[in-house]
Amino acid sequence: MKDTINSLIDTIEDFLKIDQDAIDWETKPAPDKWSKKEIVGHLIDSAQINLQRFVRCTYEGDFKLKYAQDEWVAAQHYQGADIKEILDLWILINRQIIRVLGYYPANRLQVSYDGDSTHTVEWVAADYVRHMKHHLAQIG
């Protein structure tokens, strides 16, 4: 888990070093595609759902959380929000994930949340970082 936490920290720090002012946050590449601002919003939504998974797996298992990514992005109106506020929220929720994972009970790392034994907390945490890196590469 320590490697995953360090990778998450490094990924966030590396992204924050890029020139935010040089990014076109607003333009959608197509009507049905997300703008870069909405991509960060999607990463916030991913963080929210995964934070719930991490917290709940400390005391329960085999629960279901439904996540409709397009509906969440639309419902939260990221496109109309200020990019600084979006980035601040993204940073803060990821700091909370880092805190939760940093104190994660070792005896709960192999708990799964959806009845699929491959989706353990340890796997989901590593996948969360992979997913984040994929989307951040789309931004810049």
C-alpha atoms as a PDB file:
ATOM      1  CA  MET A   1       0.000   0.000   0.000  1.00  0.00           C
ATOM      2  CA  LYS A   2       2.910   2.319   0.720  1.00  0.00           C
ATOM      3  CA  ASP A   3       3.970   2.242  -2.957  1.00  0.00           C
ATOM      4  CA  THR A   4       0.425   3.065  -4.059  1.00  0.00           C
ATOM      5  CA  ILE A   5       0.220   5.983  -1.632  1.00  0.00           C
ATOM      6  CA  ASN A   6       3.590   7.318  -2.808  1.00  0.00           C
ATOM      7  CA  SER A   7       2.518   6.961  -6.433  1.00  0.00           C
ATOM      8  CA  LEU A   8      -0.688   8.875  -5.687  1.00  0.00           C
ATOM      9  CA  ILE A   9       1.252  11.660  -3.970  1.00  0.00           C
ATOM     10  CA  ASP A  10       3.753  11.865  -6.840  1.00  0.00           C
ATOM     11  CA  THR A  11       1.001  11.862  -9.476  1.00  0.00           C
ATOM     12  CA  ILE A  12      -0.786  14.777  -7.832  1.00  0.00           C
ATOM     13  CA  GLU A  13       2.412  16.759  -7.276  1.00  0.00           C
ATOM     14  CA  ASP A  14       3.560  16.197 -10.872  1.00  0.00           C
ATOM     15  CA  PHE A  15       0.216  17.323 -12.269  1.00  0.00           C
ATOM     16  CA  LEU A  16       0.212  20.478 -10.149  1.00  0.00           C
ATOM     17  CA  LYS A  17       3.602  21.464 -11.605  1.00  0.00           C
ATOM     18  CA  ILE A  18       2.222  21.902 -15.114  1.00  0.00           C
ATOM     19  CA  ASP A  19       1.282  25.376 -16.317  1.00  0.00           C
ATOM     20  CA  GLN A  20      -2.421  25.486 -15.457  1.00  0.00           C
ATOM     21  CA  ASP A  21      -2.881  28.743 -17.387  1.00  0.00           C
ATOM     22  CA  ALA A  22      -1.701  27.126 -20.623  1.00  0.00           C
ATOM     23  CA  ILE A  23      -4.500  24.545 -20.559  1.00  0.00           C
ATOM     24  CA  ASP A  24      -7.748  25.064 -22.434  1.00  0.00           C
ATOM     25  CA  TRP A  25     -10.080  23.829 -19.693  1.00  0.00           C
ATOM     26  CA  GLU A  26     -13.335  24.760 -21.460  1.00  0.00           C
ATOM     27  CA  THR A  27     -13.335  23.256 -24.944  1.00  0.00           C
ATOM     28  CA  LYS A  28     -15.103  19.960 -25.504  1.00  0.00           C
ATOM     29  CA  PRO A  29     -13.491  17.913 -28.286  1.00  0.00           C
ATOM     30  CA  ALA A  30     -17.006  16.779 -29.301  1.00  0.00           C
ATOM     31  CA  PRO A  31     -20.496  17.394 -27.903  1.00  0.00           C
ATOM     32  CA  ASP A  32     -20.504  13.989 -26.203  1.00  0.00           C
ATOM     33  CA  LYS A  33     -16.918  14.253 -24.881  1.00  0.00           C
ATOM     34  CA  TRP A  34     -15.725  15.874 -21.674  1.00  0.00           C
ATOM     35  CA  SER A  35     -13.745  19.100 -21.530  1.00  0.00           C
ATOM     36  CA  LYS A  36     -10.520  19.011 -19.538  1.00  0.00           C
ATOM     37  CA  LYS A  37     -12.407  20.702 -16.722  1.00  0.00           C
ATOM     38  CA  GLU A  38     -14.971  17.897 -16.787  1.00  0.00           C
ATOM     39  CA  ILE A  39     -12.180  15.309 -16.796  1.00  0.00           C
ATOM     40  CA  VAL A  40     -10.949  16.730 -13.484  1.00  0.00           C
ATOM     41  CA  GLY A  41     -14.567  16.677 -12.312  1.00  0.00           C
ATOM     42  CA  HIS A  42     -14.741  13.007 -13.260  1.00  0.00           C
ATOM     43  CA  LEU A  43     -11.590  12.424 -11.209  1.00  0.00           C
ATOM     44  CA  ILE A  44     -13.311  14.103  -8.247  1.00  0.00           C
ATOM     45  CA  ASP A  45     -16.297  11.791  -8.702  1.00  0.00           C
ATOM     46  CA  SER A  46     -13.964   8.798  -8.915  1.00  0.00           C
ATOM     47  CA  ALA A  47     -12.258   9.970  -5.729  1.00  0.00           C
ATOM     48  CA  GLN A  48     -15.605  10.317  -3.957  1.00  0.00           C
ATOM     49  CA  ILE A  49     -16.788   6.837  -4.876  1.00  0.00           C
ATOM     50  CA  ASN A  50     -13.437   5.255  -4.066  1.00  0.00           C
ATOM     51  CA  LEU A  51     -13.166   7.080  -0.741  1.00  0.00           C
ATOM     52  CA  GLN A  52     -16.516   5.535   0.184  1.00  0.00           C
ATOM     53  CA  ARG A  53     -15.199   2.117  -0.828  1.00  0.00           C
ATOM     54  CA  PHE A  54     -12.032   2.531   1.218  1.00  0.00           C
ATOM     55  CA  VAL A  55     -13.848   3.745   4.318  1.00  0.00           C
ATOM     56  CA  ARG A  56     -16.651   1.189   4.184  1.00  0.00           C
ATOM     57  CA  CYS A  57     -14.217  -1.675   3.596  1.00  0.00           C
ATOM     58  CA  THR A  58     -12.616  -0.929   6.967  1.00  0.00           C
ATOM     59  CA  TYR A  59     -15.739  -2.306   8.654  1.00  0.00           C
ATOM     60  CA  GLU A  60     -17.821  -4.183   6.035  1.00  0.00           C
ATOM     61  CA  GLY A  61     -17.526  -5.996   2.713  1.00  0.00           C
ATOM     62  CA  ASP A  62     -19.497  -7.179  -0.283  1.00  0.00           C
ATOM     63  CA  PHE A  63     -21.579  -4.025  -0.667  1.00  0.00           C
ATOM     64  CA  LYS A  64     -22.583  -2.371  -3.930  1.00  0.00           C
ATOM     65  CA  LEU A  65     -21.953   1.211  -4.969  1.00  0.00           C
ATOM     66  CA  LYS A  66     -23.347   2.303  -8.311  1.00  0.00           C
ATOM     67  CA  TYR A  67     -21.469   4.936 -10.261  1.00  0.00           C
ATOM     68  CA  ALA A  68     -22.819   6.414 -13.493  1.00  0.00           C
ATOM     69  CA  GLN A  69     -19.875   8.550 -14.579  1.00  0.00           C
ATOM     70  CA  ASP A  70     -21.544  10.622 -17.304  1.00  0.00           C
ATOM     71  CA  GLU A  71     -24.565  11.342 -15.123  1.00  0.00           C
ATOM     72  CA  TRP A  72     -22.366  12.384 -12.186  1.00  0.00           C
ATOM     73  CA  VAL A  73     -20.326  14.797 -14.344  1.00  0.00           C
ATOM     74  CA  ALA A  74     -23.502  16.315 -15.791  1.00  0.00           C
ATOM     75  CA  ALA A  75     -25.300  16.566 -12.437  1.00  0.00           C
ATOM     76  CA  GLN A  76     -22.389  18.350 -10.782  1.00  0.00           C
ATOM     77  CA  HIS A  77     -22.067  20.975 -13.547  1.00  0.00           C
ATOM     78  CA  TYR A  78     -18.278  20.984 -13.607  1.00  0.00           C
ATOM     79  CA  GLN A  79     -18.278  22.742 -16.981  1.00  0.00           C
ATOM     80  CA  GLY A  80     -19.764  25.865 -15.377  1.00  0.00           C
ATOM     81  CA  ALA A  81     -17.543  25.806 -12.292  1.00  0.00           C
ATOM     82  CA  ASP A  82     -14.337  27.744 -11.685  1.00  0.00           C
ATOM     83  CA  ILE A  83     -11.313  25.573 -12.489  1.00  0.00           C
ATOM     84  CA  LYS A  84      -9.484  26.700  -9.344  1.00  0.00           C
ATOM     85  CA  GLU A  85     -12.364  25.466  -7.190  1.00  0.00           C
ATOM     86  CA  ILE A  86     -12.442  22.170  -9.084  1.00  0.00           C
ATOM     87  CA  LEU A  87      -8.695  21.677  -8.652  1.00  0.00           C
ATOM     88  CA  ASP A  88      -8.868  22.610  -4.962  1.00  0.00           C
ATOM     89  CA  LEU A  89     -11.612  20.030  -4.392  1.00  0.00           C
ATOM     90  CA  TRP A  90      -9.635  17.403  -6.316  1.00  0.00           C
ATOM     91  CA  ILE A  91      -6.553  18.079  -4.191  1.00  0.00           C
ATOM     92  CA  LEU A  92      -8.461  17.995  -0.896  1.00  0.00           C
ATOM     93  CA  ILE A  93     -10.359  14.790  -1.566  1.00  0.00           C
ATOM     94  CA  ASN A  94      -7.145  13.088  -2.642  1.00  0.00           C
ATOM     95  CA  ARG A  95      -5.422  14.230   0.537  1.00  0.00           C
ATOM     96  CA  GLN A  96      -8.228  12.534   2.435  1.00  0.00           C
ATOM     97  CA  ILE A  97      -7.754   9.341   0.425  1.00  0.00           C
ATOM     98  CA  ILE A  98      -4.024   9.461   1.193  1.00  0.00           C
ATOM     99  CA  ARG A  99      -4.822   9.871   4.898  1.00  0.00           C
ATOM    100  CA  VAL A 100      -7.304   6.970   4.907  1.00  0.00           C
ATOM    101  CA  LEU A 101      -4.962   4.668   2.998  1.00  0.00           C
ATOM    102  CA  GLY A 102      -2.014   5.671   5.176  1.00  0.00           C
ATOM    103  CA  TYR A 103      -3.788   4.336   8.260  1.00  0.00           C
ATOM    104  CA  TYR A 104      -5.490   1.401   6.559  1.00  0.00           C
ATOM    105  CA  PRO A 105      -5.844  -1.690   8.745  1.00  0.00           C
ATOM    106  CA  ALA A 106      -3.556  -4.348   7.269  1.00  0.00           C
ATOM    107  CA  ASN A 107      -6.110  -7.050   8.017  1.00  0.00           C
ATOM    108  CA  ARG A 108      -8.659  -5.275   5.770  1.00  0.00           C
ATOM    109  CA  LEU A 109      -6.542  -4.803   2.615  1.00  0.00           C
ATOM    110  CA  GLN A 110      -7.952  -7.959   0.984  1.00  0.00           C
ATOM    111  CA  VAL A 111     -11.604  -7.095   1.630  1.00  0.00           C
ATOM    112  CA  SER A 112     -13.724  -6.751  -1.497  1.00  0.00           C
ATOM    113  CA  TYR A 113     -16.695  -4.479  -1.886  1.00  0.00           C
ATOM    114  CA  ASP A 114     -18.696  -5.983  -4.722  1.00  0.00           C
ATOM    115  CA  GLY A 115     -18.562  -9.712  -4.293  1.00  0.00           C
ATOM    116  CA  ASP A 116     -15.690  -9.900  -6.793  1.00  0.00           C
ATOM    117  CA  SER A 117     -12.649 -11.109  -4.887  1.00  0.00           C
ATOM    118  CA  THR A 118     -10.326  -9.425  -7.416  1.00  0.00           C
ATOM    119  CA  HIS A 119     -11.610  -6.003  -6.364  1.00  0.00           C
ATOM    120  CA  THR A 120      -9.875  -5.876  -3.011  1.00  0.00           C
ATOM    121  CA  VAL A 121      -9.031  -2.593  -1.304  1.00  0.00           C
ATOM    122  CA  GLU A 122      -5.395  -3.058  -2.277  1.00  0.00           C
ATOM    123  CA  TRP A 123      -6.305  -3.636  -5.940  1.00  0.00           C
ATOM    124  CA  VAL A 124      -8.811  -0.752  -6.039  1.00  0.00           C
ATOM    125  CA  ALA A 125      -6.261   1.667  -4.560  1.00  0.00           C
ATOM    126  CA  ALA A 126      -3.671   0.767  -7.207  1.00  0.00           C
ATOM    127  CA  ASP A 127      -6.304   0.900  -9.955  1.00  0.00           C
ATOM    128  CA  TYR A 128      -7.444   4.303  -8.713  1.00  0.00           C
ATOM    129  CA  VAL A 129      -3.937   5.677  -9.296  1.00  0.00           C
ATOM    130  CA  ARG A 130      -3.721   4.038 -12.754  1.00  0.00           C
ATOM    131  CA  HIS A 131      -7.093   5.536 -13.669  1.00  0.00           C
ATOM    132  CA  MET A 132      -6.000   8.973 -12.476  1.00  0.00           C
ATOM    133  CA  LYS A 133      -2.763   8.837 -14.483  1.00  0.00           C
ATOM    134  CA  HIS A 134      -4.709   7.871 -17.609  1.00  0.00           C
ATOM    135  CA  HIS A 135      -7.008  10.879 -17.348  1.00  0.00           C
ATOM    136  CA  LEU A 136      -4.298  13.348 -16.309  1.00  0.00           C
ATOM    137  CA  ALA A 137      -2.369  12.364 -19.442  1.00  0.00           C
ATOM    138  CA  GLN A 138      -5.412  13.520 -21.452  1.00  0.00           C
ATOM    139  CA  ILE A 139      -5.085  16.969 -19.880  1.00  0.00           C
ATOM    140  CA  GLY A 140      -1.449  17.739 -20.342  1.00  0.00           C
END
